Amino acid sequence: MRRSMWLAALGAALVLGISQAPLAQADNSQQTKMGTCNTDATSQGLKGDDRKAYMKKCLSAAKTNSQQEKMKSCNADATTKGLKGDDRKTYMKTCLSGGGAAH
């Protein structure tokens, strides 16, 4: 009885730990972008609507740059691997969707 309770508790702890890890990384990345944009807006002395507009532009630019970097990286990996045609399309789709460059 004690062993089964211990195993159940261990399993629950593992599930909670694994399920929370991606969220922490995503939040951290978003928090970093938000902090950087916020610091820039403060240093420029922006307030009200000007600040809102700047924050919107800054946060969307960070997202675009990230996607552009991912595209460059996946494209370079596909070229290095000598992929062409359908194989290249499949690889690019997997890489860009977060499947990684390990394909």
C-alpha atoms as a PDB file:
ATOM      1  CA  MET A   1       0.000   0.000   0.000  1.00  0.00           C
ATOM      2  CA  ARG A   2       2.748   2.458   0.921  1.00  0.00           C
ATOM      3  CA  ARG A   3       4.664   1.577  -2.229  1.00  0.00           C
ATOM      4  CA  SER A   4       1.696   2.254  -4.506  1.00  0.00           C
ATOM      5  CA  MET A   5       1.039   5.619  -2.847  1.00  0.00           C
ATOM      6  CA  TRP A   6       4.713   6.531  -3.230  1.00  0.00           C
ATOM      7  CA  LEU A   7       4.645   5.582  -6.930  1.00  0.00           C
ATOM      8  CA  ALA A   8       1.455   7.570  -7.483  1.00  0.00           C
ATOM      9  CA  ALA A   9       2.981  10.634  -5.821  1.00  0.00           C
ATOM     10  CA  LEU A  10       6.169  10.273  -7.855  1.00  0.00           C
ATOM     11  CA  GLY A  11       4.161   9.926 -11.071  1.00  0.00           C
ATOM     12  CA  ALA A  12       2.094  13.010 -10.280  1.00  0.00           C
ATOM     13  CA  ALA A  13       5.227  15.030  -9.513  1.00  0.00           C
ATOM     14  CA  LEU A  14       6.808  13.965 -12.800  1.00  0.00           C
ATOM     15  CA  VAL A  15       3.702  14.839 -14.799  1.00  0.00           C
ATOM     16  CA  LEU A  16       3.448  18.258 -13.170  1.00  0.00           C
ATOM     17  CA  GLY A  17       7.144  18.946 -13.668  1.00  0.00           C
ATOM     18  CA  ILE A  18       7.117  17.943 -17.326  1.00  0.00           C
ATOM     19  CA  SER A  19       3.903  19.768 -18.172  1.00  0.00           C
ATOM     20  CA  GLN A  20       5.094  23.034 -16.577  1.00  0.00           C
ATOM     21  CA  ALA A  21       8.532  23.171 -18.266  1.00  0.00           C
ATOM     22  CA  PRO A  22       7.380  24.397 -21.716  1.00  0.00           C
ATOM     23  CA  LEU A  23       5.124  27.014 -20.144  1.00  0.00           C
ATOM     24  CA  ALA A  24       7.976  28.416 -18.088  1.00  0.00           C
ATOM     25  CA  GLN A  25      10.150  28.753 -21.186  1.00  0.00           C
ATOM     26  CA  ALA A  26       7.403  30.408 -23.220  1.00  0.00           C
ATOM     27  CA  ASP A  27       6.550  32.820 -20.398  1.00  0.00           C
ATOM     28  CA  ASN A  28      10.197  33.630 -19.878  1.00  0.00           C
ATOM     29  CA  SER A  29      10.718  34.461 -23.546  1.00  0.00           C
ATOM     30  CA  GLN A  30       7.606  36.655 -23.639  1.00  0.00           C
ATOM     31  CA  GLN A  31       8.577  38.275 -20.357  1.00  0.00           C
ATOM     32  CA  THR A  32      12.018  39.051 -21.758  1.00  0.00           C
ATOM     33  CA  LYS A  33      10.547  40.710 -24.865  1.00  0.00           C
ATOM     34  CA  MET A  34       8.056  42.648 -22.777  1.00  0.00           C
ATOM     35  CA  GLY A  35      10.755  43.792 -20.364  1.00  0.00           C
ATOM     36  CA  THR A  36      13.038  44.961 -23.170  1.00  0.00           C
ATOM     37  CA  CYS A  37      10.267  46.874 -24.956  1.00  0.00           C
ATOM     38  CA  ASN A  38       9.069  48.366 -21.656  1.00  0.00           C
ATOM     39  CA  THR A  39      12.575  49.557 -20.776  1.00  0.00           C
ATOM     40  CA  ASP A  40      12.987  51.137 -24.203  1.00  0.00           C
ATOM     41  CA  ALA A  41       9.623  52.915 -23.950  1.00  0.00           C
ATOM     42  CA  THR A  42      10.513  54.247 -20.493  1.00  0.00           C
ATOM     43  CA  SER A  43      13.932  55.474 -21.627  1.00  0.00           C
ATOM     44  CA  GLN A  44      12.234  57.332 -24.489  1.00  0.00           C
ATOM     45  CA  GLY A  45       9.800  58.940 -22.043  1.00  0.00           C
ATOM     46  CA  LEU A  46       6.733  57.593 -23.867  1.00  0.00           C
ATOM     47  CA  LYS A  47       3.331  57.826 -22.162  1.00  0.00           C
ATOM     48  CA  GLY A  48      -0.297  57.093 -22.944  1.00  0.00           C
ATOM     49  CA  ASP A  49      -1.226  56.287 -26.542  1.00  0.00           C
ATOM     50  CA  ASP A  50       2.325  56.830 -27.756  1.00  0.00           C
ATOM     51  CA  ARG A  51       3.567  54.204 -25.313  1.00  0.00           C
ATOM     52  CA  LYS A  52       0.812  51.752 -26.294  1.00  0.00           C
ATOM     53  CA  ALA A  53       1.618  52.171 -29.982  1.00  0.00           C
ATOM     54  CA  TYR A  54       5.340  51.726 -29.342  1.00  0.00           C
ATOM     55  CA  MET A  55       4.801  48.594 -27.231  1.00  0.00           C
ATOM     56  CA  LYS A  56       2.557  47.036 -29.879  1.00  0.00           C
ATOM     57  CA  LYS A  57       5.107  47.736 -32.606  1.00  0.00           C
ATOM     58  CA  CYS A  58       8.054  46.595 -30.483  1.00  0.00           C
ATOM     59  CA  LEU A  59       6.440  43.299 -29.438  1.00  0.00           C
ATOM     60  CA  SER A  60       5.313  42.443 -32.973  1.00  0.00           C
ATOM     61  CA  ALA A  61       8.804  43.260 -34.330  1.00  0.00           C
ATOM     62  CA  ALA A  62      10.342  40.849 -31.830  1.00  0.00           C
ATOM     63  CA  LYS A  63       7.999  38.112 -33.040  1.00  0.00           C
ATOM     64  CA  THR A  64       8.771  38.826 -36.718  1.00  0.00           C
ATOM     65  CA  ASN A  65      12.522  38.805 -36.148  1.00  0.00           C
ATOM     66  CA  SER A  66      12.266  35.508 -34.338  1.00  0.00           C
ATOM     67  CA  GLN A  67      10.337  33.956 -37.244  1.00  0.00           C
ATOM     68  CA  GLN A  68      12.820  35.370 -39.759  1.00  0.00           C
ATOM     69  CA  GLU A  69      15.730  33.899 -37.809  1.00  0.00           C
ATOM     70  CA  LYS A  70      13.990  30.533 -37.694  1.00  0.00           C
ATOM     71  CA  MET A  71      13.401  30.662 -41.464  1.00  0.00           C
ATOM     72  CA  LYS A  72      17.072  31.455 -42.114  1.00  0.00           C
ATOM     73  CA  SER A  73      18.244  28.676 -39.842  1.00  0.00           C
ATOM     74  CA  CYS A  74      15.913  26.040 -41.312  1.00  0.00           C
ATOM     75  CA  ASN A  75      16.773  27.143 -44.853  1.00  0.00           C
ATOM     76  CA  ALA A  76      20.511  26.906 -44.155  1.00  0.00           C
ATOM     77  CA  ASP A  77      20.095  23.449 -42.621  1.00  0.00           C
ATOM     78  CA  ALA A  78      18.081  22.230 -45.621  1.00  0.00           C
ATOM     79  CA  THR A  79      20.771  23.549 -47.986  1.00  0.00           C
ATOM     80  CA  THR A  80      23.554  21.932 -45.951  1.00  0.00           C
ATOM     81  CA  LYS A  81      21.704  18.611 -46.117  1.00  0.00           C
ATOM     82  CA  GLY A  82      21.304  19.008 -49.878  1.00  0.00           C
ATOM     83  CA  LEU A  83      17.528  18.684 -49.740  1.00  0.00           C
ATOM     84  CA  LYS A  84      15.517  19.523 -52.852  1.00  0.00           C
ATOM     85  CA  GLY A  85      11.910  19.356 -54.028  1.00  0.00           C
ATOM     86  CA  ASP A  86       9.392  17.567 -51.830  1.00  0.00           C
ATOM     87  CA  ASP A  87      12.051  16.472 -49.332  1.00  0.00           C
ATOM     88  CA  ARG A  88      13.023  20.117 -48.791  1.00  0.00           C
ATOM     89  CA  LYS A  89       9.366  21.204 -48.440  1.00  0.00           C
ATOM     90  CA  THR A  90       8.708  18.482 -45.876  1.00  0.00           C
ATOM     91  CA  TYR A  91      11.850  19.352 -43.934  1.00  0.00           C
ATOM     92  CA  MET A  92      11.080  23.078 -43.943  1.00  0.00           C
ATOM     93  CA  LYS A  93       7.516  22.480 -42.758  1.00  0.00           C
ATOM     94  CA  THR A  94       8.731  20.308 -39.888  1.00  0.00           C
ATOM     95  CA  CYS A  95      11.563  22.664 -38.957  1.00  0.00           C
ATOM     96  CA  LEU A  96       9.421  25.823 -39.002  1.00  0.00           C
ATOM     97  CA  SER A  97       6.615  24.224 -37.009  1.00  0.00           C
ATOM     98  CA  GLY A  98       9.026  23.562 -34.171  1.00  0.00           C
ATOM     99  CA  GLY A  99      10.091  20.075 -35.184  1.00  0.00           C
ATOM    100  CA  GLY A 100      13.645  21.355 -34.990  1.00  0.00           C
ATOM    101  CA  ALA A 101      16.666  21.036 -37.192  1.00  0.00           C
ATOM    102  CA  ALA A 102      17.416  17.515 -36.032  1.00  0.00           C
ATOM    103  CA  HIS A 103      15.354  15.996 -38.800  1.00  0.00           C
END
